Amino acid sequence: MNLRADQVAHWLSSLGVGPETLVGVFMERSLELMAGVLGILKAGGTYVPIDPSYPKGRIAYMLADSKAPVLLTQRSMVEHLPENDARVICIDQGSEAFGQGRENLAGRVSSDSLAYMMYTSGSTGTPKGVLGSHRAMVNRFSWMWNAYPFEADDVCCQKTSLSFIDSVWEMFGPLLRGVRTVIIPTEEVKDITKLINTLSLNRITRIVLVPSLLDAMLETHADVDIRLPDLVMWVASGGALSRPKSLPTLPIVAPQPITPILTPYR
């Protein structure tokens, strides 16, 4: 993973990506996506996640509004892109990316440099780009690592769209502590029974989810705590817990998600 990220970083750097250069990310959840995001950060850039499931009009707006000069994607996704002015680069196109350097680039950012720009849902109007710094990210990670330290046998999962703030912890929290992470495809996340089976099969020990997904899991399988005996920590964020009577059997942590955590509640 680090080798691929270094190669992508050198590749992007050769295209002019440097400190706080915005780079769009239009990719399905995968190892390639993780290598791409890490490569952007290693080059000093700022990643701008764009969910492939969004309507073309919204994707076009985000690309035009952000003015990202480079867009990282996959060959299978190019046909889904609207017309745009970014230089479109396919991370899976082969030799051009992986013929680049294999060492870390010299430090090009500070803790106050921008790490990402995520767009709001636009539920109250036009989507707006929200900026997040490396300092804010690491502050949240440090708190979580200390408040809820990982165990040697922990297994986490990455199942949240890159366009949502929970993905920041899902991607980097375990990775920066050498904890194994299982990437769950979108199709399985949408099917509650498949999701529970995947969590069980991979013996996932920690999960981050919105209360609505937690509700759906409890409604589909009331015995979810028995089906998932290895899942020892559930982190619910993004709204109020609506089923308090169903929760005592589950080890729930419920933070409020502001850049990306403000107040934890146990």
C-alpha atoms as a PDB file:
ATOM      1  CA  MET A   1       0.000   0.000   0.000  1.00  0.00           C
ATOM      2  CA  ASN A   2       2.778   2.450   0.938  1.00  0.00           C
ATOM      3  CA  LEU A   3       4.694   1.601  -2.253  1.00  0.00           C
ATOM      4  CA  ARG A   4       1.648   2.262  -4.423  1.00  0.00           C
ATOM      5  CA  ALA A   5       0.899   5.481  -2.553  1.00  0.00           C
ATOM      6  CA  ASP A   6       4.494   6.677  -3.063  1.00  0.00           C
ATOM      7  CA  GLN A   7       4.274   5.910  -6.780  1.00  0.00           C
ATOM      8  CA  VAL A   8       1.000   7.816  -7.076  1.00  0.00           C
ATOM      9  CA  ALA A   9       2.506  10.723  -5.096  1.00  0.00           C
ATOM     10  CA  HIS A  10       5.459  10.994  -7.477  1.00  0.00           C
ATOM     11  CA  TRP A  11       3.130  10.722 -10.439  1.00  0.00           C
ATOM     12  CA  LEU A  12       0.882  13.503  -9.156  1.00  0.00           C
ATOM     13  CA  SER A  13       3.878  15.662  -8.239  1.00  0.00           C
ATOM     14  CA  SER A  14       5.109  15.397 -11.827  1.00  0.00           C
ATOM     15  CA  LEU A  15       1.724  16.793 -12.898  1.00  0.00           C
ATOM     16  CA  GLY A  16       2.146  19.836 -10.669  1.00  0.00           C
ATOM     17  CA  VAL A  17       0.265  18.646  -7.570  1.00  0.00           C
ATOM     18  CA  GLY A  18       1.822  20.283  -4.511  1.00  0.00           C
ATOM     19  CA  PRO A  19       0.809  21.766  -1.152  1.00  0.00           C
ATOM     20  CA  GLU A  20      -2.976  22.181  -0.975  1.00  0.00           C
ATOM     21  CA  THR A  21      -3.553  21.481  -4.670  1.00  0.00           C
ATOM     22  CA  LEU A  22      -7.123  20.183  -4.901  1.00  0.00           C
ATOM     23  CA  VAL A  23      -7.373  16.707  -6.434  1.00  0.00           C
ATOM     24  CA  GLY A  24     -10.770  15.187  -7.128  1.00  0.00           C
ATOM     25  CA  VAL A  25     -11.298  11.530  -6.233  1.00  0.00           C
ATOM     26  CA  PHE A  26     -14.012   9.784  -8.261  1.00  0.00           C
ATOM     27  CA  MET A  27     -13.556   6.119  -7.395  1.00  0.00           C
ATOM     28  CA  GLU A  28     -15.294   3.079  -5.991  1.00  0.00           C
ATOM     29  CA  ARG A  29     -14.231   1.963  -2.515  1.00  0.00           C
ATOM     30  CA  SER A  30     -11.147  -0.214  -3.035  1.00  0.00           C
ATOM     31  CA  LEU A  31      -7.441  -0.616  -2.304  1.00  0.00           C
ATOM     32  CA  GLU A  32      -6.815   1.630  -5.312  1.00  0.00           C
ATOM     33  CA  LEU A  33      -8.887   4.369  -3.693  1.00  0.00           C
ATOM     34  CA  MET A  34      -6.857   4.133  -0.481  1.00  0.00           C
ATOM     35  CA  ALA A  35      -3.579   4.240  -2.411  1.00  0.00           C
ATOM     36  CA  GLY A  36      -4.882   7.210  -4.384  1.00  0.00           C
ATOM     37  CA  VAL A  37      -5.889   9.244  -1.332  1.00  0.00           C
ATOM     38  CA  LEU A  38      -2.621   8.463   0.442  1.00  0.00           C
ATOM     39  CA  GLY A  39      -0.738   9.422  -2.716  1.00  0.00           C
ATOM     40  CA  ILE A  40      -2.521  12.772  -2.870  1.00  0.00           C
ATOM     41  CA  LEU A  41      -1.628  13.524   0.747  1.00  0.00           C
ATOM     42  CA  LYS A  42       1.977  12.399   0.258  1.00  0.00           C
ATOM     43  CA  ALA A  43       2.252  14.795  -2.693  1.00  0.00           C
ATOM     44  CA  GLY A  44       1.017  17.563  -0.383  1.00  0.00           C
ATOM     45  CA  GLY A  45      -2.353  17.786  -2.089  1.00  0.00           C
ATOM     46  CA  THR A  46      -5.894  18.066  -0.736  1.00  0.00           C
ATOM     47  CA  TYR A  47      -8.343  15.350  -1.725  1.00  0.00           C
ATOM     48  CA  VAL A  48     -11.873  16.220  -2.841  1.00  0.00           C
ATOM     49  CA  PRO A  49     -14.109  13.129  -2.658  1.00  0.00           C
ATOM     50  CA  ILE A  50     -16.867  12.869  -5.261  1.00  0.00           C
ATOM     51  CA  ASP A  51     -19.227   9.926  -4.852  1.00  0.00           C
ATOM     52  CA  PRO A  52     -19.814   8.084  -8.168  1.00  0.00           C
ATOM     53  CA  SER A  53     -23.434   7.461  -7.104  1.00  0.00           C
ATOM     54  CA  TYR A  54     -24.238  11.193  -7.188  1.00  0.00           C
ATOM     55  CA  PRO A  55     -26.348  12.565 -10.072  1.00  0.00           C
ATOM     56  CA  LYS A  56     -24.232  13.905 -12.950  1.00  0.00           C
ATOM     57  CA  GLY A  57     -25.486  17.431 -12.299  1.00  0.00           C
ATOM     58  CA  ARG A  58     -24.164  17.393  -8.761  1.00  0.00           C
ATOM     59  CA  ILE A  59     -20.856  15.860  -9.834  1.00  0.00           C
ATOM     60  CA  ALA A  60     -20.490  18.558 -12.494  1.00  0.00           C
ATOM     61  CA  TYR A  61     -21.234  21.273  -9.923  1.00  0.00           C
ATOM     62  CA  MET A  62     -18.632  19.940  -7.464  1.00  0.00           C
ATOM     63  CA  LEU A  63     -15.957  19.730 -10.157  1.00  0.00           C
ATOM     64  CA  ALA A  64     -16.714  23.248 -11.411  1.00  0.00           C
ATOM     65  CA  ASP A  65     -16.989  24.768  -7.924  1.00  0.00           C
ATOM     66  CA  SER A  66     -13.803  23.171  -6.557  1.00  0.00           C
ATOM     67  CA  LYS A  67     -11.818  23.930  -9.720  1.00  0.00           C
ATOM     68  CA  ALA A  68      -9.700  20.850  -8.964  1.00  0.00           C
ATOM     69  CA  PRO A  69      -7.064  20.751 -11.737  1.00  0.00           C
ATOM     70  CA  VAL A  70      -6.608  16.978 -11.444  1.00  0.00           C
ATOM     71  CA  LEU A  71      -9.199  14.219 -11.061  1.00  0.00           C
ATOM     72  CA  LEU A  72      -8.158  10.734  -9.954  1.00  0.00           C
ATOM     73  CA  THR A  73     -10.438   7.926 -11.081  1.00  0.00           C
ATOM     74  CA  GLN A  74     -10.564   4.372 -12.479  1.00  0.00           C
ATOM     75  CA  ARG A  75     -10.976   3.331 -16.094  1.00  0.00           C
ATOM     76  CA  SER A  76     -14.389   1.813 -15.382  1.00  0.00           C
ATOM     77  CA  MET A  77     -15.608   5.137 -13.984  1.00  0.00           C
ATOM     78  CA  VAL A  78     -14.574   7.510 -16.790  1.00  0.00           C
ATOM     79  CA  GLU A  79     -17.791   7.042 -18.782  1.00  0.00           C
ATOM     80  CA  HIS A  80     -19.806   8.169 -15.736  1.00  0.00           C
ATOM     81  CA  LEU A  81     -18.056  11.540 -15.552  1.00  0.00           C
ATOM     82  CA  PRO A  82     -19.749  14.680 -16.835  1.00  0.00           C
ATOM     83  CA  GLU A  83     -17.812  17.110 -19.003  1.00  0.00           C
ATOM     84  CA  ASN A  84     -15.205  18.905 -16.896  1.00  0.00           C
ATOM     85  CA  ASP A  85     -11.985  20.910 -17.116  1.00  0.00           C
ATOM     86  CA  ALA A  86      -9.846  18.706 -14.851  1.00  0.00           C
ATOM     87  CA  ARG A  87      -7.049  16.511 -16.085  1.00  0.00           C
ATOM     88  CA  VAL A  88      -8.534  13.039 -15.663  1.00  0.00           C
ATOM     89  CA  ILE A  89      -6.041  10.405 -14.476  1.00  0.00           C
ATOM     90  CA  CYS A  90      -6.883   6.699 -14.142  1.00  0.00           C
ATOM     91  CA  ILE A  91      -4.998   5.149 -11.245  1.00  0.00           C
ATOM     92  CA  ASP A  92      -5.380   1.680 -12.781  1.00  0.00           C
ATOM     93  CA  GLN A  93      -4.065   2.581 -16.235  1.00  0.00           C
ATOM     94  CA  GLY A  94      -0.745   0.907 -15.487  1.00  0.00           C
ATOM     95  CA  SER A  95       2.835   1.775 -16.164  1.00  0.00           C
ATOM     96  CA  GLU A  96       2.622   5.573 -16.190  1.00  0.00           C
ATOM     97  CA  ALA A  97       1.787   5.641 -12.485  1.00  0.00           C
ATOM     98  CA  PHE A  98       3.868   2.756 -11.300  1.00  0.00           C
ATOM     99  CA  GLY A  99       6.986   3.704 -13.190  1.00  0.00           C
ATOM    100  CA  GLN A 100       7.451   6.663 -10.855  1.00  0.00           C
ATOM    101  CA  GLY A 101       9.617   6.955  -7.731  1.00  0.00           C
ATOM    102  CA  ARG A 102       9.266   4.542  -4.849  1.00  0.00           C
ATOM    103  CA  GLU A 103      10.373   6.652  -1.896  1.00  0.00           C
ATOM    104  CA  ASN A 104       8.555   9.165   0.280  1.00  0.00           C
ATOM    105  CA  LEU A 105       8.554  12.699  -1.061  1.00  0.00           C
ATOM    106  CA  ALA A 106      10.206  15.260   1.177  1.00  0.00           C
ATOM    107  CA  GLY A 107       7.811  16.828   3.700  1.00  0.00           C
ATOM    108  CA  ARG A 108       5.695  19.375   1.858  1.00  0.00           C
ATOM    109  CA  VAL A 109       2.921  20.248   4.294  1.00  0.00           C
ATOM    110  CA  SER A 110       2.438  21.473   7.844  1.00  0.00           C
ATOM    111  CA  SER A 111      -0.144  20.443  10.414  1.00  0.00           C
ATOM    112  CA  ASP A 112      -2.281  23.404   9.335  1.00  0.00           C
ATOM    113  CA  SER A 113      -2.250  22.407   5.666  1.00  0.00           C
ATOM    114  CA  LEU A 114      -5.523  21.219   4.167  1.00  0.00           C
ATOM    115  CA  ALA A 115      -6.020  17.469   3.955  1.00  0.00           C
ATOM    116  CA  TYR A 116      -9.471  17.319   2.376  1.00  0.00           C
ATOM    117  CA  MET A 117     -12.405  19.343   1.106  1.00  0.00           C
ATOM    118  CA  MET A 118     -15.775  17.617   1.533  1.00  0.00           C
ATOM    119  CA  TYR A 119     -19.031  18.923   0.183  1.00  0.00           C
ATOM    120  CA  THR A 120     -22.107  19.151   2.379  1.00  0.00           C
ATOM    121  CA  SER A 121     -25.271  17.314   1.360  1.00  0.00           C
ATOM    122  CA  GLY A 122     -26.887  20.475   0.069  1.00  0.00           C
ATOM    123  CA  SER A 123     -30.089  19.637   1.942  1.00  0.00           C
ATOM    124  CA  THR A 124     -30.503  23.299   2.920  1.00  0.00           C
ATOM    125  CA  GLY A 125     -29.340  24.747  -0.386  1.00  0.00           C
ATOM    126  CA  THR A 126     -26.298  24.492  -2.650  1.00  0.00           C
ATOM    127  CA  PRO A 127     -23.609  22.007  -1.470  1.00  0.00           C
ATOM    128  CA  LYS A 128     -20.666  23.787   0.110  1.00  0.00           C
ATOM    129  CA  GLY A 129     -17.062  22.644   0.353  1.00  0.00           C
ATOM    130  CA  VAL A 130     -15.884  22.209   3.955  1.00  0.00           C
ATOM    131  CA  LEU A 131     -12.142  22.262   4.572  1.00  0.00           C
ATOM    132  CA  GLY A 132     -10.333  19.906   6.967  1.00  0.00           C
ATOM    133  CA  SER A 133      -6.706  20.245   8.108  1.00  0.00           C
ATOM    134  CA  HIS A 134      -4.135  17.611   8.985  1.00  0.00           C
ATOM    135  CA  ARG A 135      -4.121  18.992  12.539  1.00  0.00           C
ATOM    136  CA  ALA A 136      -7.872  18.445  12.945  1.00  0.00           C
ATOM    137  CA  MET A 137      -7.620  14.904  11.596  1.00  0.00           C
ATOM    138  CA  VAL A 138      -4.729  13.889  13.839  1.00  0.00           C
ATOM    139  CA  ASN A 139      -6.353  15.547  16.857  1.00  0.00           C
ATOM    140  CA  ARG A 140      -9.417  13.337  16.400  1.00  0.00           C
ATOM    141  CA  PHE A 141      -7.293  10.227  15.793  1.00  0.00           C
ATOM    142  CA  SER A 142      -5.191  10.889  18.874  1.00  0.00           C
ATOM    143  CA  TRP A 143      -8.268  11.263  21.065  1.00  0.00           C
ATOM    144  CA  MET A 144      -9.800   8.043  19.764  1.00  0.00           C
ATOM    145  CA  TRP A 145      -6.534   6.100  20.039  1.00  0.00           C
ATOM    146  CA  ASN A 146      -6.227   7.127  23.685  1.00  0.00           C
ATOM    147  CA  ALA A 147      -9.882   6.916  24.701  1.00  0.00           C
ATOM    148  CA  TYR A 148     -10.535   3.617  22.906  1.00  0.00           C
ATOM    149  CA  PRO A 149      -7.136   2.039  22.175  1.00  0.00           C
ATOM    150  CA  PHE A 150      -6.902  -0.723  19.609  1.00  0.00           C
ATOM    151  CA  GLU A 151      -6.253  -4.300  20.677  1.00  0.00           C
ATOM    152  CA  ALA A 152      -3.823  -6.582  18.854  1.00  0.00           C
ATOM    153  CA  ASP A 153      -6.633  -8.668  17.355  1.00  0.00           C
ATOM    154  CA  ASP A 154      -8.907  -5.789  16.283  1.00  0.00           C
ATOM    155  CA  VAL A 155     -10.365  -5.858  12.778  1.00  0.00           C
ATOM    156  CA  CYS A 156     -12.013  -2.711  11.422  1.00  0.00           C
ATOM    157  CA  CYS A 157     -14.020  -2.097   8.291  1.00  0.00           C
ATOM    158  CA  GLN A 158     -14.260   0.601   5.667  1.00  0.00           C
ATOM    159  CA  LYS A 159     -17.830   0.887   4.408  1.00  0.00           C
ATOM    160  CA  THR A 160     -18.619   4.618   4.357  1.00  0.00           C
ATOM    161  CA  SER A 161     -18.613   6.733   1.204  1.00  0.00           C
ATOM    162  CA  LEU A 162     -15.454   8.839   0.936  1.00  0.00           C
ATOM    163  CA  SER A 163     -17.740  11.875   0.728  1.00  0.00           C
ATOM    164  CA  PHE A 164     -18.857  11.481   4.344  1.00  0.00           C
ATOM    165  CA  ILE A 165     -16.765  12.506   7.343  1.00  0.00           C
ATOM    166  CA  ASP A 166     -16.859   9.058   9.003  1.00  0.00           C
ATOM    167  CA  SER A 167     -14.677   7.764   6.170  1.00  0.00           C
ATOM    168  CA  VAL A 168     -11.735   9.824   7.489  1.00  0.00           C
ATOM    169  CA  TRP A 169     -11.546   7.727  10.660  1.00  0.00           C
ATOM    170  CA  GLU A 170     -12.427   4.488   8.862  1.00  0.00           C
ATOM    171  CA  MET A 171      -9.552   4.953   6.446  1.00  0.00           C
ATOM    172  CA  PHE A 172      -6.789   6.473   8.567  1.00  0.00           C
ATOM    173  CA  GLY A 173      -7.575   5.591  12.201  1.00  0.00           C
ATOM    174  CA  PRO A 174      -6.784   1.872  11.914  1.00  0.00           C
ATOM    175  CA  LEU A 175      -4.217   2.247   9.101  1.00  0.00           C
ATOM    176  CA  LEU A 176      -1.957   4.561  11.099  1.00  0.00           C
ATOM    177  CA  ARG A 177      -1.940   2.022  13.929  1.00  0.00           C
ATOM    178  CA  GLY A 178      -1.299  -1.024  11.725  1.00  0.00           C
ATOM    179  CA  VAL A 179      -4.772  -2.460  12.365  1.00  0.00           C
ATOM    180  CA  ARG A 180      -6.319  -4.719   9.731  1.00  0.00           C
ATOM    181  CA  THR A 181      -9.179  -3.191   7.739  1.00  0.00           C
ATOM    182  CA  VAL A 182     -11.724  -4.993   5.572  1.00  0.00           C
ATOM    183  CA  ILE A 183     -13.087  -2.981   2.624  1.00  0.00           C
ATOM    184  CA  ILE A 184     -16.815  -3.689   2.203  1.00  0.00           C
ATOM    185  CA  PRO A 185     -18.373  -3.086  -1.257  1.00  0.00           C
ATOM    186  CA  THR A 186     -21.291  -0.669  -1.534  1.00  0.00           C
ATOM    187  CA  GLU A 187     -23.658  -3.435  -2.670  1.00  0.00           C
ATOM    188  CA  GLU A 188     -23.109  -5.334   0.575  1.00  0.00           C
ATOM    189  CA  VAL A 189     -23.557  -2.222   2.724  1.00  0.00           C
ATOM    190  CA  LYS A 190     -26.976  -1.648   1.128  1.00  0.00           C
ATOM    191  CA  ASP A 191     -28.125  -5.220   1.889  1.00  0.00           C
ATOM    192  CA  ILE A 192     -28.394  -5.535   5.677  1.00  0.00           C
ATOM    193  CA  THR A 193     -28.258  -9.338   5.747  1.00  0.00           C
ATOM    194  CA  LYS A 194     -25.198  -9.399   3.460  1.00  0.00           C
ATOM    195  CA  LEU A 195     -23.551  -6.700   5.582  1.00  0.00           C
ATOM    196  CA  ILE A 196     -24.088  -8.658   8.792  1.00  0.00           C
ATOM    197  CA  ASN A 197     -22.788 -11.836   7.142  1.00  0.00           C
ATOM    198  CA  THR A 198     -19.675  -9.996   5.935  1.00  0.00           C
ATOM    199  CA  LEU A 199     -19.040  -8.522   9.381  1.00  0.00           C
ATOM    200  CA  SER A 200     -19.422 -11.980  10.913  1.00  0.00           C
ATOM    201  CA  LEU A 201     -17.288 -13.793   8.329  1.00  0.00           C
ATOM    202  CA  ASN A 202     -14.410 -11.323   8.738  1.00  0.00           C
ATOM    203  CA  ARG A 203     -14.806 -11.192  12.526  1.00  0.00           C
ATOM    204  CA  ILE A 204     -15.020  -7.396  12.518  1.00  0.00           C
ATOM    205  CA  THR A 205     -14.483  -5.984  16.018  1.00  0.00           C
ATOM    206  CA  ARG A 206     -15.251  -2.284  15.414  1.00  0.00           C
ATOM    207  CA  ILE A 207     -17.707  -0.448  13.195  1.00  0.00           C
ATOM    208  CA  VAL A 208     -18.665   3.183  12.540  1.00  0.00           C
ATOM    209  CA  LEU A 209     -22.258   3.735  11.403  1.00  0.00           C
ATOM    210  CA  VAL A 210     -25.062   6.269  11.320  1.00  0.00           C
ATOM    211  CA  PRO A 211     -28.047   5.656  13.645  1.00  0.00           C
ATOM    212  CA  SER A 212     -30.336   4.904  10.693  1.00  0.00           C
ATOM    213  CA  LEU A 213     -28.118   1.975   9.669  1.00  0.00           C
ATOM    214  CA  LEU A 214     -27.966   0.796  13.263  1.00  0.00           C
ATOM    215  CA  ASP A 215     -31.779   0.899  13.374  1.00  0.00           C
ATOM    216  CA  ALA A 216     -32.012  -1.065  10.120  1.00  0.00           C
ATOM    217  CA  MET A 217     -29.662  -3.742  11.458  1.00  0.00           C
ATOM    218  CA  LEU A 218     -31.698  -4.064  14.672  1.00  0.00           C
ATOM    219  CA  GLU A 219     -34.979  -4.189  12.767  1.00  0.00           C
ATOM    220  CA  THR A 220     -33.708  -6.806  10.313  1.00  0.00           C
ATOM    221  CA  HIS A 221     -32.018  -8.992  12.922  1.00  0.00           C
ATOM    222  CA  ALA A 222     -33.002  -8.281  16.534  1.00  0.00           C
ATOM    223  CA  ASP A 223     -30.349 -10.780  17.647  1.00  0.00           C
ATOM    224  CA  VAL A 224     -27.543  -8.851  15.932  1.00  0.00           C
ATOM    225  CA  ASP A 225     -25.476  -8.921  19.127  1.00  0.00           C
ATOM    226  CA  ILE A 226     -25.537 -12.745  18.987  1.00  0.00           C
ATOM    227  CA  ARG A 227     -24.850 -12.854  15.254  1.00  0.00           C
ATOM    228  CA  LEU A 228     -21.841 -10.548  15.711  1.00  0.00           C
ATOM    229  CA  PRO A 229     -20.149 -11.659  18.941  1.00  0.00           C
ATOM    230  CA  ASP A 230     -16.756 -10.278  17.818  1.00  0.00           C
ATOM    231  CA  LEU A 231     -18.110  -6.772  17.258  1.00  0.00           C
ATOM    232  CA  VAL A 232     -17.123  -5.195  20.561  1.00  0.00           C
ATOM    233  CA  MET A 233     -17.388  -1.505  19.617  1.00  0.00           C
ATOM    234  CA  TRP A 234     -20.136   0.269  17.685  1.00  0.00           C
ATOM    235  CA  VAL A 235     -19.515   3.968  16.996  1.00  0.00           C
ATOM    236  CA  ALA A 236     -22.769   5.709  16.025  1.00  0.00           C
ATOM    237  CA  SER A 237     -22.583   9.289  14.761  1.00  0.00           C
ATOM    238  CA  GLY A 238     -24.514  11.747  12.652  1.00  0.00           C
ATOM    239  CA  GLY A 239     -27.798  11.819  14.545  1.00  0.00           C
ATOM    240  CA  ALA A 240     -29.715  10.828  17.645  1.00  0.00           C
ATOM    241  CA  LEU A 241     -30.020   7.198  18.706  1.00  0.00           C
ATOM    242  CA  SER A 242     -33.694   6.409  18.184  1.00  0.00           C
ATOM    243  CA  ARG A 243     -33.939   2.951  19.740  1.00  0.00           C
ATOM    244  CA  PRO A 244     -32.634   3.324  23.319  1.00  0.00           C
ATOM    245  CA  LYS A 245     -34.439   0.216  24.582  1.00  0.00           C
ATOM    246  CA  SER A 246     -32.624  -1.939  22.045  1.00  0.00           C
ATOM    247  CA  LEU A 247     -29.140  -0.667  22.778  1.00  0.00           C
ATOM    248  CA  PRO A 248     -28.035  -1.928  26.218  1.00  0.00           C
ATOM    249  CA  THR A 249     -26.740  -5.230  24.788  1.00  0.00           C
ATOM    250  CA  LEU A 250     -24.447  -3.377  22.344  1.00  0.00           C
ATOM    251  CA  PRO A 251     -21.226  -1.516  23.287  1.00  0.00           C
ATOM    252  CA  ILE A 252     -22.219   1.836  21.755  1.00  0.00           C
ATOM    253  CA  VAL A 253     -20.131   5.001  21.533  1.00  0.00           C
ATOM    254  CA  ALA A 254     -22.129   7.956  20.192  1.00  0.00           C
ATOM    255  CA  PRO A 255     -20.024  10.990  19.203  1.00  0.00           C
ATOM    256  CA  GLN A 256     -21.278  14.143  17.525  1.00  0.00           C
ATOM    257  CA  PRO A 257     -19.535  14.421  14.117  1.00  0.00           C
ATOM    258  CA  ILE A 258     -17.976  17.865  13.812  1.00  0.00           C
ATOM    259  CA  THR A 259     -14.536  17.902  12.150  1.00  0.00           C
ATOM    260  CA  PRO A 260     -15.136  15.077  12.698  1.00  0.00           C
ATOM    261  CA  ILE A 261     -15.898  14.660  16.436  1.00  0.00           C
ATOM    262  CA  LEU A 262     -16.873  17.142  19.113  1.00  0.00           C
ATOM    263  CA  THR A 263     -18.576  15.516  22.092  1.00  0.00           C
ATOM    264  CA  PRO A 264     -18.531  11.800  22.890  1.00  0.00           C
ATOM    265  CA  TYR A 265     -21.381  10.163  24.792  1.00  0.00           C
ATOM    266  CA  ARG A 266     -21.230   6.682  26.278  1.00  0.00           C
END
